[in-house]
Amino acid sequence: MNKMLTCIIVDDEPPAIRLLEKYVEKVSFLSLENTFTKPLEALSFIEKTKIDIVFLDIQMPGITGIQLSKLISESVHVIFTTAYPEFALESYNVSAIDYLLKPIEFERFYKAVKKALPKEAKGKPTQQEVDYLFFKTDGKNKFTKVFLEDILFLQGLKNYVAVQVDSEQIITYNTLKHFNEILPDFDFIQIHKSYIISIKKIDKVENDAVWIGNNQLPIGNTYRKEFFERING
């Protein structure tokens, strides 16, 4: 059974709060403790109450969600909920676990909250839990250590995966599905049946393709919607 996670909603728009309330009710491991339209009242509540997740709007009167997130304990998971895509990059710098762009669909909401589950419940490391991986290469006991921040993209090649890093390409005997399950969602996303990319390494998106340096990578139809939602259109 999944651990029950307590949460609050902070948004100055009541309709937005009502939608998230409905979503929370649908998730068995979420318990809604309170809702707030005033950010500072939410901060006072968080300081007195153990909360696991804060669903936090960004554009609010008095103090923005970005500013409020910097005052919240690092033990609290922040999920931004906003209608403004231009704050996505800044949200990466305040350790939010996800960034949901309004109007929010339930499937996207559910994927975000699963990131807050304890490691043993979700079986997948977060960015804070791992910053490197060992890739098995040629030879029975030969492994290459690669820091996640150096990975540009991964390409599936049948029974192998080519890991493109800043300085070289590493070939490992594995599947793209395996890496999609273990790489942190906040930094990596699958854009095609053959490609997983680092969001931070994207230089531009043009003509249904992603450019990372001189590499032009296609966006598959199956992955198009989630990809553009993640980069906020």
C-alpha atoms as a PDB file:
ATOM      1  CA  MET A   1       0.000   0.000   0.000  1.00  0.00           C
ATOM      2  CA  ASN A   2       1.311   3.461  -0.899  1.00  0.00           C
ATOM      3  CA  LYS A   3       2.203   5.924   1.821  1.00  0.00           C
ATOM      4  CA  MET A   4      -0.502   8.550   2.371  1.00  0.00           C
ATOM      5  CA  LEU A   5       0.800  11.981   1.354  1.00  0.00           C
ATOM      6  CA  THR A   6      -0.654  15.145   2.857  1.00  0.00           C
ATOM      7  CA  CYS A   7      -1.073  18.146   0.599  1.00  0.00           C
ATOM      8  CA  ILE A   8      -2.403  21.692   0.358  1.00  0.00           C
ATOM      9  CA  ILE A   9      -3.460  23.859  -2.577  1.00  0.00           C
ATOM     10  CA  VAL A  10      -2.387  27.495  -2.885  1.00  0.00           C
ATOM     11  CA  ASP A  11      -4.076  29.480  -5.647  1.00  0.00           C
ATOM     12  CA  ASP A  12      -5.807  32.848  -5.743  1.00  0.00           C
ATOM     13  CA  GLU A  13      -8.429  31.551  -8.176  1.00  0.00           C
ATOM     14  CA  PRO A  14     -11.222  29.442  -6.559  1.00  0.00           C
ATOM     15  CA  PRO A  15     -12.088  27.571  -9.809  1.00  0.00           C
ATOM     16  CA  ALA A  16      -8.485  26.367 -10.024  1.00  0.00           C
ATOM     17  CA  ILE A  17      -8.654  25.173  -6.416  1.00  0.00           C
ATOM     18  CA  ARG A  18     -11.892  23.277  -7.050  1.00  0.00           C
ATOM     19  CA  LEU A  19     -10.382  21.428 -10.010  1.00  0.00           C
ATOM     20  CA  LEU A  20      -7.346  20.339  -8.004  1.00  0.00           C
ATOM     21  CA  GLU A  21      -9.614  19.299  -5.123  1.00  0.00           C
ATOM     22  CA  LYS A  22     -11.429  16.934  -7.499  1.00  0.00           C
ATOM     23  CA  TYR A  23      -8.132  15.528  -8.736  1.00  0.00           C
ATOM     24  CA  VAL A  24      -6.842  14.964  -5.201  1.00  0.00           C
ATOM     25  CA  GLU A  25     -10.026  13.059  -4.319  1.00  0.00           C
ATOM     26  CA  LYS A  26      -9.317  10.641  -7.165  1.00  0.00           C
ATOM     27  CA  VAL A  27      -5.829   9.726  -5.896  1.00  0.00           C
ATOM     28  CA  SER A  28      -5.875   7.108  -3.149  1.00  0.00           C
ATOM     29  CA  PHE A  29      -2.580   8.136  -1.571  1.00  0.00           C
ATOM     30  CA  LEU A  30      -3.343  11.874  -1.303  1.00  0.00           C
ATOM     31  CA  SER A  31      -4.966  13.596   1.670  1.00  0.00           C
ATOM     32  CA  LEU A  32      -5.973  17.247   1.245  1.00  0.00           C
ATOM     33  CA  GLU A  33      -5.339  19.160   4.482  1.00  0.00           C
ATOM     34  CA  ASN A  34      -6.331  22.671   3.429  1.00  0.00           C
ATOM     35  CA  THR A  35      -6.642  25.192   0.590  1.00  0.00           C
ATOM     36  CA  PHE A  36      -5.501  28.806   0.502  1.00  0.00           C
ATOM     37  CA  THR A  37      -6.045  31.850  -1.692  1.00  0.00           C
ATOM     38  CA  LYS A  38      -3.489  33.893   0.288  1.00  0.00           C
ATOM     39  CA  PRO A  39       0.138  32.663   0.028  1.00  0.00           C
ATOM     40  CA  LEU A  40       1.320  33.942   3.416  1.00  0.00           C
ATOM     41  CA  GLU A  41      -1.522  32.162   5.201  1.00  0.00           C
ATOM     42  CA  ALA A  42      -0.397  28.987   3.467  1.00  0.00           C
ATOM     43  CA  LEU A  43       3.180  29.543   4.627  1.00  0.00           C
ATOM     44  CA  SER A  44       2.023  29.920   8.233  1.00  0.00           C
ATOM     45  CA  PHE A  45       0.074  26.668   7.952  1.00  0.00           C
ATOM     46  CA  ILE A  46       3.046  24.802   6.450  1.00  0.00           C
ATOM     47  CA  GLU A  47       5.307  25.942   9.271  1.00  0.00           C
ATOM     48  CA  LYS A  48       2.911  24.465  11.844  1.00  0.00           C
ATOM     49  CA  THR A  49       1.724  21.353  10.002  1.00  0.00           C
ATOM     50  CA  LYS A  50       3.535  18.436   8.384  1.00  0.00           C
ATOM     51  CA  ILE A  51       2.821  18.678   4.674  1.00  0.00           C
ATOM     52  CA  ASP A  52       4.258  16.497   1.923  1.00  0.00           C
ATOM     53  CA  ILE A  53       3.097  18.349  -1.201  1.00  0.00           C
ATOM     54  CA  VAL A  54       2.166  21.934  -2.017  1.00  0.00           C
ATOM     55  CA  PHE A  55       0.288  22.597  -5.248  1.00  0.00           C
ATOM     56  CA  LEU A  56       1.416  26.145  -5.818  1.00  0.00           C
ATOM     57  CA  ASP A  57       0.225  28.785  -8.266  1.00  0.00           C
ATOM     58  CA  ILE A  58       2.856  31.311  -9.374  1.00  0.00           C
ATOM     59  CA  GLN A  59       1.124  34.578 -10.207  1.00  0.00           C
ATOM     60  CA  MET A  60      -0.538  35.663  -6.949  1.00  0.00           C
ATOM     61  CA  PRO A  61      -0.944  39.025  -5.205  1.00  0.00           C
ATOM     62  CA  GLY A  62       1.532  39.970  -2.477  1.00  0.00           C
ATOM     63  CA  ILE A  63       4.079  37.203  -3.078  1.00  0.00           C
ATOM     64  CA  THR A  64       4.624  34.950  -6.060  1.00  0.00           C
ATOM     65  CA  GLY A  65       4.686  31.182  -5.924  1.00  0.00           C
ATOM     66  CA  ILE A  66       8.373  31.217  -6.850  1.00  0.00           C
ATOM     67  CA  GLN A  67       9.126  33.484  -3.890  1.00  0.00           C
ATOM     68  CA  LEU A  68       6.984  31.384  -1.555  1.00  0.00           C
ATOM     69  CA  SER A  69       8.681  28.163  -2.626  1.00  0.00           C
ATOM     70  CA  LYS A  70      12.018  29.565  -1.442  1.00  0.00           C
ATOM     71  CA  LEU A  71      10.569  29.960   2.065  1.00  0.00           C
ATOM     72  CA  ILE A  72       9.201  26.428   2.268  1.00  0.00           C
ATOM     73  CA  SER A  73      11.192  23.629   3.874  1.00  0.00           C
ATOM     74  CA  GLU A  74      13.138  21.459   1.426  1.00  0.00           C
ATOM     75  CA  SER A  75      11.313  18.434   2.844  1.00  0.00           C
ATOM     76  CA  VAL A  76       8.090  19.669   1.225  1.00  0.00           C
ATOM     77  CA  HIS A  77       7.541  18.769  -2.440  1.00  0.00           C
ATOM     78  CA  VAL A  78       6.468  21.724  -4.578  1.00  0.00           C
ATOM     79  CA  ILE A  79       4.387  21.226  -7.718  1.00  0.00           C
ATOM     80  CA  PHE A  80       3.751  24.461  -9.579  1.00  0.00           C
ATOM     81  CA  THR A  81       0.340  24.951 -11.194  1.00  0.00           C
ATOM     82  CA  THR A  82       0.218  27.962 -13.465  1.00  0.00           C
ATOM     83  CA  ALA A  83      -1.143  29.411 -16.683  1.00  0.00           C
ATOM     84  CA  TYR A  84       2.185  31.073 -17.443  1.00  0.00           C
ATOM     85  CA  PRO A  85       4.782  28.992 -19.327  1.00  0.00           C
ATOM     86  CA  GLU A  86       7.519  31.613 -19.031  1.00  0.00           C
ATOM     87  CA  PHE A  87       8.264  30.602 -15.420  1.00  0.00           C
ATOM     88  CA  ALA A  88       9.185  27.005 -16.299  1.00  0.00           C
ATOM     89  CA  LEU A  89      12.932  27.571 -16.384  1.00  0.00           C
ATOM     90  CA  GLU A  90      12.927  29.432 -13.070  1.00  0.00           C
ATOM     91  CA  SER A  91      10.981  26.565 -11.460  1.00  0.00           C
ATOM     92  CA  TYR A  92      13.901  24.235 -12.203  1.00  0.00           C
ATOM     93  CA  ASN A  93      16.108  26.401  -9.999  1.00  0.00           C
ATOM     94  CA  VAL A  94      13.945  26.136  -6.876  1.00  0.00           C
ATOM     95  CA  SER A  95      13.826  22.316  -6.690  1.00  0.00           C
ATOM     96  CA  ALA A  96      10.183  21.899  -7.674  1.00  0.00           C
ATOM     97  CA  ILE A  97       9.364  18.310  -8.605  1.00  0.00           C
ATOM     98  CA  ASP A  98       7.065  19.306 -11.465  1.00  0.00           C
ATOM     99  CA  TYR A  99       5.486  22.185 -13.361  1.00  0.00           C
ATOM    100  CA  LEU A 100       1.860  21.817 -14.478  1.00  0.00           C
ATOM    101  CA  LEU A 101       0.510  24.176 -17.084  1.00  0.00           C
ATOM    102  CA  LYS A 102      -3.165  25.118 -16.875  1.00  0.00           C
ATOM    103  CA  PRO A 103      -5.574  23.785 -17.986  1.00  0.00           C
ATOM    104  CA  ILE A 104      -4.274  20.708 -16.167  1.00  0.00           C
ATOM    105  CA  GLU A 105      -5.356  17.244 -17.245  1.00  0.00           C
ATOM    106  CA  PHE A 106      -5.758  14.530 -14.623  1.00  0.00           C
ATOM    107  CA  GLU A 107      -3.257  12.158 -16.264  1.00  0.00           C
ATOM    108  CA  ARG A 108      -0.564  14.828 -16.084  1.00  0.00           C
ATOM    109  CA  PHE A 109      -1.523  15.652 -12.497  1.00  0.00           C
ATOM    110  CA  TYR A 110      -1.270  11.995 -11.466  1.00  0.00           C
ATOM    111  CA  LYS A 111       2.157  11.597 -13.030  1.00  0.00           C
ATOM    112  CA  ALA A 112       3.370  14.644 -11.103  1.00  0.00           C
ATOM    113  CA  VAL A 113       2.163  13.493  -7.689  1.00  0.00           C
ATOM    114  CA  LYS A 114       3.681  10.027  -8.143  1.00  0.00           C
ATOM    115  CA  LYS A 115       7.095  11.705  -8.098  1.00  0.00           C
ATOM    116  CA  ALA A 116       6.495  12.588  -4.446  1.00  0.00           C
ATOM    117  CA  LEU A 117       6.050   8.973  -3.367  1.00  0.00           C
ATOM    118  CA  PRO A 118       8.843   7.445  -1.285  1.00  0.00           C
ATOM    119  CA  LYS A 119      11.504   5.613  -3.255  1.00  0.00           C
ATOM    120  CA  GLU A 120      10.309   2.182  -2.157  1.00  0.00           C
ATOM    121  CA  ALA A 121       6.785   2.991  -3.335  1.00  0.00           C
ATOM    122  CA  LYS A 122       7.627   4.239  -6.801  1.00  0.00           C
ATOM    123  CA  GLY A 123      10.822   2.372  -7.502  1.00  0.00           C
ATOM    124  CA  LYS A 124      12.347   5.299  -9.356  1.00  0.00           C
ATOM    125  CA  PRO A 125      15.037   7.731  -8.190  1.00  0.00           C
ATOM    126  CA  THR A 126      14.498  11.475  -8.167  1.00  0.00           C
ATOM    127  CA  GLN A 127      17.006  14.078  -9.208  1.00  0.00           C
ATOM    128  CA  GLN A 128      17.985  14.560  -5.563  1.00  0.00           C
ATOM    129  CA  GLU A 129      18.696  10.833  -5.043  1.00  0.00           C
ATOM    130  CA  VAL A 130      20.994  10.191  -8.004  1.00  0.00           C
ATOM    131  CA  ASP A 131      23.252  12.340 -10.159  1.00  0.00           C
ATOM    132  CA  TYR A 132      25.123   9.633 -12.038  1.00  0.00           C
ATOM    133  CA  LEU A 133      24.726   6.145 -13.480  1.00  0.00           C
ATOM    134  CA  PHE A 134      27.120   3.317 -14.303  1.00  0.00           C
ATOM    135  CA  PHE A 135      26.718   2.042 -17.867  1.00  0.00           C
ATOM    136  CA  LYS A 136      27.919  -1.456 -18.686  1.00  0.00           C
ATOM    137  CA  THR A 137      30.071  -1.340 -21.803  1.00  0.00           C
ATOM    138  CA  ASP A 138      32.402  -3.823 -23.510  1.00  0.00           C
ATOM    139  CA  GLY A 139      33.634  -6.678 -21.359  1.00  0.00           C
ATOM    140  CA  LYS A 140      32.109  -8.743 -18.590  1.00  0.00           C
ATOM    141  CA  ASN A 141      32.858  -6.322 -15.777  1.00  0.00           C
ATOM    142  CA  LYS A 142      33.519  -3.055 -17.572  1.00  0.00           C
ATOM    143  CA  PHE A 143      31.403  -0.056 -16.554  1.00  0.00           C
ATOM    144  CA  THR A 144      31.562   3.646 -17.393  1.00  0.00           C
ATOM    145  CA  LYS A 145      30.392   6.248 -14.881  1.00  0.00           C
ATOM    146  CA  VAL A 146      28.359   9.054 -16.446  1.00  0.00           C
ATOM    147  CA  PHE A 147      26.964  12.094 -14.645  1.00  0.00           C
ATOM    148  CA  LEU A 148      23.362  12.803 -15.629  1.00  0.00           C
ATOM    149  CA  GLU A 149      24.151  16.460 -16.230  1.00  0.00           C
ATOM    150  CA  ASP A 150      26.521  15.405 -19.040  1.00  0.00           C
ATOM    151  CA  ILE A 151      23.949  13.344 -20.954  1.00  0.00           C
ATOM    152  CA  LEU A 152      22.554  14.977 -24.088  1.00  0.00           C
ATOM    153  CA  PHE A 153      20.270  12.160 -25.215  1.00  0.00           C
ATOM    154  CA  LEU A 154      19.893   8.393 -25.430  1.00  0.00           C
ATOM    155  CA  GLN A 155      19.141   6.516 -28.637  1.00  0.00           C
ATOM    156  CA  GLY A 156      17.625   3.041 -28.710  1.00  0.00           C
ATOM    157  CA  LEU A 157      19.347   0.630 -31.105  1.00  0.00           C
ATOM    158  CA  LYS A 158      17.396  -2.648 -30.805  1.00  0.00           C
ATOM    159  CA  ASN A 159      19.180  -4.446 -27.930  1.00  0.00           C
ATOM    160  CA  TYR A 160      21.578  -1.571 -27.304  1.00  0.00           C
ATOM    161  CA  VAL A 161      21.374   2.044 -26.232  1.00  0.00           C
ATOM    162  CA  ALA A 162      23.726   4.777 -27.398  1.00  0.00           C
ATOM    163  CA  VAL A 163      24.259   7.359 -24.657  1.00  0.00           C
ATOM    164  CA  GLN A 164      25.432  10.661 -26.097  1.00  0.00           C
ATOM    165  CA  VAL A 165      27.377  12.731 -23.594  1.00  0.00           C
ATOM    166  CA  ASP A 166      29.218  16.005 -24.037  1.00  0.00           C
ATOM    167  CA  SER A 167      32.459  14.396 -25.152  1.00  0.00           C
ATOM    168  CA  GLU A 168      31.641  10.924 -26.470  1.00  0.00           C
ATOM    169  CA  GLN A 169      29.061   8.257 -27.258  1.00  0.00           C
ATOM    170  CA  ILE A 170      28.742   5.252 -24.954  1.00  0.00           C
ATOM    171  CA  ILE A 171      27.162   2.019 -26.194  1.00  0.00           C
ATOM    172  CA  THR A 172      25.544  -0.154 -23.538  1.00  0.00           C
ATOM    173  CA  TYR A 173      23.649  -3.432 -23.752  1.00  0.00           C
ATOM    174  CA  ASN A 174      20.203  -2.454 -22.499  1.00  0.00           C
ATOM    175  CA  THR A 175      16.844  -1.056 -23.593  1.00  0.00           C
ATOM    176  CA  LEU A 176      15.483   2.463 -23.851  1.00  0.00           C
ATOM    177  CA  LYS A 177      12.521   1.350 -21.718  1.00  0.00           C
ATOM    178  CA  HIS A 178      14.893   0.541 -18.855  1.00  0.00           C
ATOM    179  CA  PHE A 179      16.375   4.032 -18.857  1.00  0.00           C
ATOM    180  CA  ASN A 180      12.972   5.662 -19.195  1.00  0.00           C
ATOM    181  CA  GLU A 181      12.058   3.956 -15.914  1.00  0.00           C
ATOM    182  CA  ILE A 182      15.142   4.988 -13.937  1.00  0.00           C
ATOM    183  CA  LEU A 183      16.058   8.445 -15.240  1.00  0.00           C
ATOM    184  CA  PRO A 184      14.569  11.369 -13.260  1.00  0.00           C
ATOM    185  CA  ASP A 185      11.377  12.614 -14.966  1.00  0.00           C
ATOM    186  CA  PHE A 186      12.162  16.196 -14.113  1.00  0.00           C
ATOM    187  CA  ASP A 187      15.240  16.260 -16.340  1.00  0.00           C
ATOM    188  CA  PHE A 188      14.564  13.633 -19.007  1.00  0.00           C
ATOM    189  CA  ILE A 189      11.680  12.916 -21.360  1.00  0.00           C
ATOM    190  CA  GLN A 190      11.062  10.445 -24.160  1.00  0.00           C
ATOM    191  CA  ILE A 191      10.223  12.230 -27.422  1.00  0.00           C
ATOM    192  CA  HIS A 192      10.290   9.277 -29.830  1.00  0.00           C
ATOM    193  CA  LYS A 193      10.308   5.484 -29.652  1.00  0.00           C
ATOM    194  CA  SER A 194      14.068   5.709 -30.221  1.00  0.00           C
ATOM    195  CA  TYR A 195      15.015   8.815 -28.203  1.00  0.00           C
ATOM    196  CA  ILE A 196      15.103  10.056 -24.624  1.00  0.00           C
ATOM    197  CA  ILE A 197      16.510  13.559 -24.239  1.00  0.00           C
ATOM    198  CA  SER A 198      17.743  15.849 -21.488  1.00  0.00           C
ATOM    199  CA  ILE A 199      15.353  18.786 -21.276  1.00  0.00           C
ATOM    200  CA  LYS A 200      18.155  21.055 -20.081  1.00  0.00           C
ATOM    201  CA  LYS A 201      20.192  20.364 -23.216  1.00  0.00           C
ATOM    202  CA  ILE A 202      17.523  21.455 -25.734  1.00  0.00           C
ATOM    203  CA  ASP A 203      18.748  24.316 -27.909  1.00  0.00           C
ATOM    204  CA  LYS A 204      15.586  24.766 -29.957  1.00  0.00           C
ATOM    205  CA  VAL A 205      12.429  23.039 -31.171  1.00  0.00           C
ATOM    206  CA  GLU A 206      11.631  23.502 -34.840  1.00  0.00           C
ATOM    207  CA  ASN A 207       9.528  21.709 -37.458  1.00  0.00           C
ATOM    208  CA  ASP A 208       8.544  18.851 -35.124  1.00  0.00           C
ATOM    209  CA  ALA A 209      12.147  18.174 -34.229  1.00  0.00           C
ATOM    210  CA  VAL A 210      14.355  18.873 -31.225  1.00  0.00           C
ATOM    211  CA  TRP A 211      17.815  20.318 -31.722  1.00  0.00           C
ATOM    212  CA  ILE A 212      20.525  19.492 -29.197  1.00  0.00           C
ATOM    213  CA  GLY A 213      23.734  20.985 -30.495  1.00  0.00           C
ATOM    214  CA  ASN A 214      24.088  19.764 -34.080  1.00  0.00           C
ATOM    215  CA  ASN A 215      21.791  16.803 -33.466  1.00  0.00           C
ATOM    216  CA  GLN A 216      18.289  16.966 -34.952  1.00  0.00           C
ATOM    217  CA  LEU A 217      15.990  14.479 -33.190  1.00  0.00           C
ATOM    218  CA  PRO A 218      12.408  13.714 -34.313  1.00  0.00           C
ATOM    219  CA  ILE A 219       9.346  14.090 -32.087  1.00  0.00           C
ATOM    220  CA  GLY A 220       7.104  11.035 -32.398  1.00  0.00           C
ATOM    221  CA  ASN A 221       3.323  11.389 -32.553  1.00  0.00           C
ATOM    222  CA  THR A 222       2.869   9.237 -29.439  1.00  0.00           C
ATOM    223  CA  TYR A 223       5.051  11.546 -27.360  1.00  0.00           C
ATOM    224  CA  ARG A 224       4.179  14.888 -28.933  1.00  0.00           C
ATOM    225  CA  LYS A 225       1.451  16.028 -26.515  1.00  0.00           C
ATOM    226  CA  GLU A 226       3.381  15.369 -23.315  1.00  0.00           C
ATOM    227  CA  PHE A 227       6.558  16.869 -24.747  1.00  0.00           C
ATOM    228  CA  PHE A 228       4.964  20.160 -25.729  1.00  0.00           C
ATOM    229  CA  GLU A 229       3.149  20.280 -22.403  1.00  0.00           C
ATOM    230  CA  ARG A 230       6.475  19.908 -20.616  1.00  0.00           C
ATOM    231  CA  ILE A 231       8.119  22.719 -22.526  1.00  0.00           C
ATOM    232  CA  ASN A 232       4.914  24.718 -22.265  1.00  0.00           C
ATOM    233  CA  GLY A 233       3.988  24.951 -25.890  1.00  0.00           C
END
